[in-house]
N, C-alpha and C. Protein backbone atom coordinates (compact mmCIF):
# COMPACT_ATOMS: atom_id res chain seq x y z
N MET A 1 -32.92 -31.07 16.64
CA MET A 1 -32.65 -29.94 17.50
C MET A 1 -31.15 -29.65 17.56
N ALA A 2 -30.33 -30.67 17.50
CA ALA A 2 -28.89 -30.47 17.49
C ALA A 2 -28.45 -29.77 16.22
N THR A 3 -29.15 -30.03 15.14
CA THR A 3 -28.80 -29.39 13.87
C THR A 3 -29.03 -27.89 13.94
N ASN A 4 -30.10 -27.45 14.58
CA ASN A 4 -30.38 -26.03 14.71
C ASN A 4 -29.30 -25.32 15.53
N LYS A 5 -28.84 -25.94 16.59
CA LYS A 5 -27.79 -25.33 17.40
C LYS A 5 -26.50 -25.19 16.60
N LYS A 6 -26.20 -26.20 15.81
CA LYS A 6 -25.01 -26.16 14.99
C LYS A 6 -25.13 -25.06 13.94
N ALA A 7 -26.27 -24.91 13.33
CA ALA A 7 -26.49 -23.88 12.33
C ALA A 7 -26.39 -22.49 12.96
N ASN A 8 -26.95 -22.34 14.16
CA ASN A 8 -26.88 -21.06 14.85
C ASN A 8 -25.45 -20.70 15.21
N THR A 9 -24.65 -21.68 15.60
CA THR A 9 -23.25 -21.42 15.93
C THR A 9 -22.50 -20.92 14.71
N LYS A 10 -22.74 -21.54 13.56
CA LYS A 10 -22.07 -21.09 12.34
C LYS A 10 -22.50 -19.67 11.98
N THR A 11 -23.75 -19.36 12.15
CA THR A 11 -24.24 -18.03 11.85
C THR A 11 -23.59 -17.00 12.77
N LYS A 12 -23.48 -17.32 14.04
CA LYS A 12 -22.86 -16.40 14.98
C LYS A 12 -21.38 -16.19 14.64
N ASP A 13 -20.67 -17.25 14.29
CA ASP A 13 -19.26 -17.12 13.93
C ASP A 13 -19.09 -16.25 12.69
N THR A 14 -19.97 -16.43 11.73
CA THR A 14 -19.91 -15.64 10.51
C THR A 14 -20.17 -14.17 10.81
N LYS A 15 -21.11 -13.90 11.65
CA LYS A 15 -21.41 -12.52 12.01
C LYS A 15 -20.23 -11.87 12.71
N LEU A 16 -19.55 -12.60 13.58
CA LEU A 16 -18.41 -12.04 14.28
C LEU A 16 -17.26 -11.76 13.33
N SER A 17 -17.03 -12.65 12.38
CA SER A 17 -15.92 -12.44 11.46
C SER A 17 -16.21 -11.29 10.49
N CYS A 18 -17.46 -11.00 10.23
CA CYS A 18 -17.79 -9.92 9.31
C CYS A 18 -17.55 -8.56 9.96
N LYS A 19 -17.52 -8.50 11.27
CA LYS A 19 -17.32 -7.23 11.97
C LYS A 19 -15.85 -6.87 12.08
N THR A 20 -14.97 -7.77 11.71
CA THR A 20 -13.55 -7.49 11.78
C THR A 20 -13.19 -6.43 10.76
N TYR A 21 -12.45 -5.42 11.18
CA TYR A 21 -12.06 -4.33 10.29
C TYR A 21 -10.55 -4.20 10.31
N THR A 22 -9.98 -4.20 9.14
CA THR A 22 -8.55 -3.93 9.03
C THR A 22 -8.40 -2.67 8.20
N GLY A 23 -7.80 -1.66 8.77
CA GLY A 23 -7.63 -0.40 8.07
C GLY A 23 -6.62 -0.52 6.94
N ASN A 24 -6.97 -0.03 5.79
CA ASN A 24 -6.09 -0.08 4.64
C ASN A 24 -5.71 1.32 4.19
N CYS A 25 -5.45 2.18 5.13
CA CYS A 25 -5.09 3.55 4.79
C CYS A 25 -3.69 3.63 4.19
N GLY A 26 -2.84 2.65 4.48
CA GLY A 26 -1.49 2.64 3.95
C GLY A 26 -1.48 2.61 2.44
N GLY A 27 -2.40 1.89 1.84
CA GLY A 27 -2.48 1.82 0.39
C GLY A 27 -2.83 3.16 -0.22
N CYS A 28 -3.71 3.87 0.43
CA CYS A 28 -4.11 5.20 -0.04
C CYS A 28 -2.94 6.17 0.08
N ALA A 29 -2.24 6.12 1.21
CA ALA A 29 -1.10 7.01 1.41
C ALA A 29 0.01 6.70 0.41
N TYR A 30 0.26 5.42 0.17
CA TYR A 30 1.28 5.03 -0.81
C TYR A 30 0.90 5.52 -2.21
N PHE A 31 -0.37 5.38 -2.56
CA PHE A 31 -0.83 5.83 -3.87
C PHE A 31 -0.63 7.34 -4.03
N LEU A 32 -1.01 8.10 -3.03
CA LEU A 32 -0.86 9.55 -3.12
C LEU A 32 0.61 9.96 -3.18
N ALA A 33 1.45 9.28 -2.42
CA ALA A 33 2.88 9.58 -2.46
C ALA A 33 3.48 9.20 -3.80
N ALA A 34 3.10 8.05 -4.34
CA ALA A 34 3.60 7.63 -5.65
C ALA A 34 3.12 8.59 -6.74
N LEU A 35 1.89 9.04 -6.64
CA LEU A 35 1.36 10.00 -7.61
C LEU A 35 2.14 11.32 -7.54
N GLY A 36 2.38 11.79 -6.33
CA GLY A 36 3.16 13.02 -6.17
C GLY A 36 4.57 12.88 -6.69
N ALA A 37 5.19 11.71 -6.43
CA ALA A 37 6.55 11.48 -6.93
C ALA A 37 6.55 11.42 -8.45
N ALA A 38 5.55 10.78 -9.03
CA ALA A 38 5.47 10.70 -10.50
C ALA A 38 5.32 12.09 -11.10
N ILE A 39 4.49 12.91 -10.51
CA ILE A 39 4.31 14.28 -11.00
C ILE A 39 5.61 15.06 -10.90
N TYR A 40 6.31 14.90 -9.78
CA TYR A 40 7.59 15.59 -9.61
C TYR A 40 8.60 15.13 -10.65
N TYR A 41 8.79 13.82 -10.78
CA TYR A 41 9.78 13.30 -11.72
C TYR A 41 9.44 13.66 -13.17
N ILE A 42 8.17 13.62 -13.52
CA ILE A 42 7.78 13.96 -14.89
C ILE A 42 8.00 15.45 -15.16
N SER A 43 7.69 16.29 -14.16
CA SER A 43 7.85 17.73 -14.37
C SER A 43 9.31 18.15 -14.46
N THR A 44 10.21 17.37 -13.87
CA THR A 44 11.63 17.71 -13.95
C THR A 44 12.36 16.96 -15.05
N ALA A 45 11.66 16.10 -15.78
CA ALA A 45 12.29 15.31 -16.85
C ALA A 45 12.66 16.21 -18.02
N THR A 46 13.82 15.90 -18.62
CA THR A 46 14.28 16.69 -19.76
C THR A 46 13.88 16.07 -21.10
N GLY A 47 13.38 14.84 -21.08
CA GLY A 47 12.97 14.17 -22.30
C GLY A 47 11.96 13.09 -22.01
N PHE A 48 11.49 12.46 -23.07
CA PHE A 48 10.46 11.42 -22.91
C PHE A 48 10.96 10.26 -22.06
N TRP A 49 12.15 9.74 -22.37
CA TRP A 49 12.64 8.56 -21.65
C TRP A 49 13.00 8.88 -20.20
N MET A 50 13.38 10.11 -19.94
CA MET A 50 13.60 10.51 -18.54
C MET A 50 12.28 10.55 -17.79
N GLY A 51 11.21 10.91 -18.48
CA GLY A 51 9.88 10.87 -17.87
C GLY A 51 9.44 9.45 -17.57
N VAL A 52 9.74 8.52 -18.50
CA VAL A 52 9.43 7.11 -18.27
C VAL A 52 10.23 6.59 -17.08
N LEU A 53 11.50 6.95 -17.01
CA LEU A 53 12.33 6.57 -15.87
C LEU A 53 11.77 7.16 -14.57
N GLY A 54 11.26 8.38 -14.66
CA GLY A 54 10.66 9.02 -13.49
C GLY A 54 9.45 8.28 -12.98
N VAL A 55 8.62 7.77 -13.88
CA VAL A 55 7.44 6.99 -13.47
C VAL A 55 7.90 5.70 -12.78
N LEU A 56 8.92 5.06 -13.33
CA LEU A 56 9.43 3.85 -12.69
C LEU A 56 10.02 4.15 -11.32
N LYS A 57 10.73 5.25 -11.20
CA LYS A 57 11.28 5.65 -9.90
C LYS A 57 10.16 5.93 -8.90
N ALA A 58 9.08 6.52 -9.38
CA ALA A 58 7.96 6.85 -8.50
C ALA A 58 7.33 5.59 -7.92
N LEU A 59 7.39 4.49 -8.65
CA LEU A 59 6.80 3.24 -8.16
C LEU A 59 7.65 2.57 -7.09
N VAL A 60 8.96 2.82 -7.12
CA VAL A 60 9.86 2.14 -6.17
C VAL A 60 10.54 3.11 -5.21
N TRP A 61 10.02 4.30 -5.03
CA TRP A 61 10.66 5.27 -4.16
C TRP A 61 10.82 4.80 -2.72
N PRO A 62 9.93 3.95 -2.16
CA PRO A 62 10.18 3.51 -0.78
C PRO A 62 11.48 2.71 -0.64
N ALA A 63 11.88 1.99 -1.67
CA ALA A 63 13.13 1.24 -1.61
C ALA A 63 14.31 2.21 -1.53
N PHE A 64 14.27 3.29 -2.31
CA PHE A 64 15.32 4.29 -2.23
C PHE A 64 15.36 4.94 -0.86
N LEU A 65 14.19 5.25 -0.33
CA LEU A 65 14.10 5.88 0.98
C LEU A 65 14.68 5.00 2.07
N MET A 66 14.32 3.73 2.08
CA MET A 66 14.83 2.82 3.11
C MET A 66 16.33 2.59 2.95
N PHE A 67 16.82 2.51 1.72
CA PHE A 67 18.26 2.34 1.49
C PHE A 67 19.03 3.52 2.08
N GLU A 68 18.58 4.73 1.78
CA GLU A 68 19.27 5.91 2.29
C GLU A 68 19.15 6.02 3.81
N LEU A 69 18.01 5.64 4.36
CA LEU A 69 17.84 5.67 5.81
C LEU A 69 18.78 4.68 6.50
N PHE A 70 18.87 3.46 5.97
CA PHE A 70 19.78 2.47 6.56
C PHE A 70 21.23 2.90 6.40
N LYS A 71 21.56 3.52 5.28
CA LYS A 71 22.92 4.01 5.07
C LYS A 71 23.23 5.12 6.08
N PHE A 72 22.27 6.00 6.32
CA PHE A 72 22.45 7.08 7.29
C PHE A 72 22.61 6.54 8.70
N LEU A 73 21.84 5.52 9.04
CA LEU A 73 21.91 4.93 10.39
C LEU A 73 23.09 3.98 10.55
N GLY A 74 23.77 3.67 9.48
CA GLY A 74 24.93 2.80 9.54
C GLY A 74 24.58 1.34 9.70
N MET A 75 23.48 0.93 9.17
CA MET A 75 23.06 -0.47 9.30
C MET A 75 23.54 -1.30 8.14
């Protein structure tokens, strides 16, 4: 009988942990922003290698944004 209670407790714990939801909308927003940045950089590129550089810039644009923001705020 003690074994059944122990099994039921594990089942209840598992059910509670399965209901936990963590929103991952940030990944979707980052993807859309990176896609938009890539399209912008590629459309303004003057050559193939500038387009490649644009794709790389599109992947790291948040670093540029934070750098400029901290520079503006004087941090």
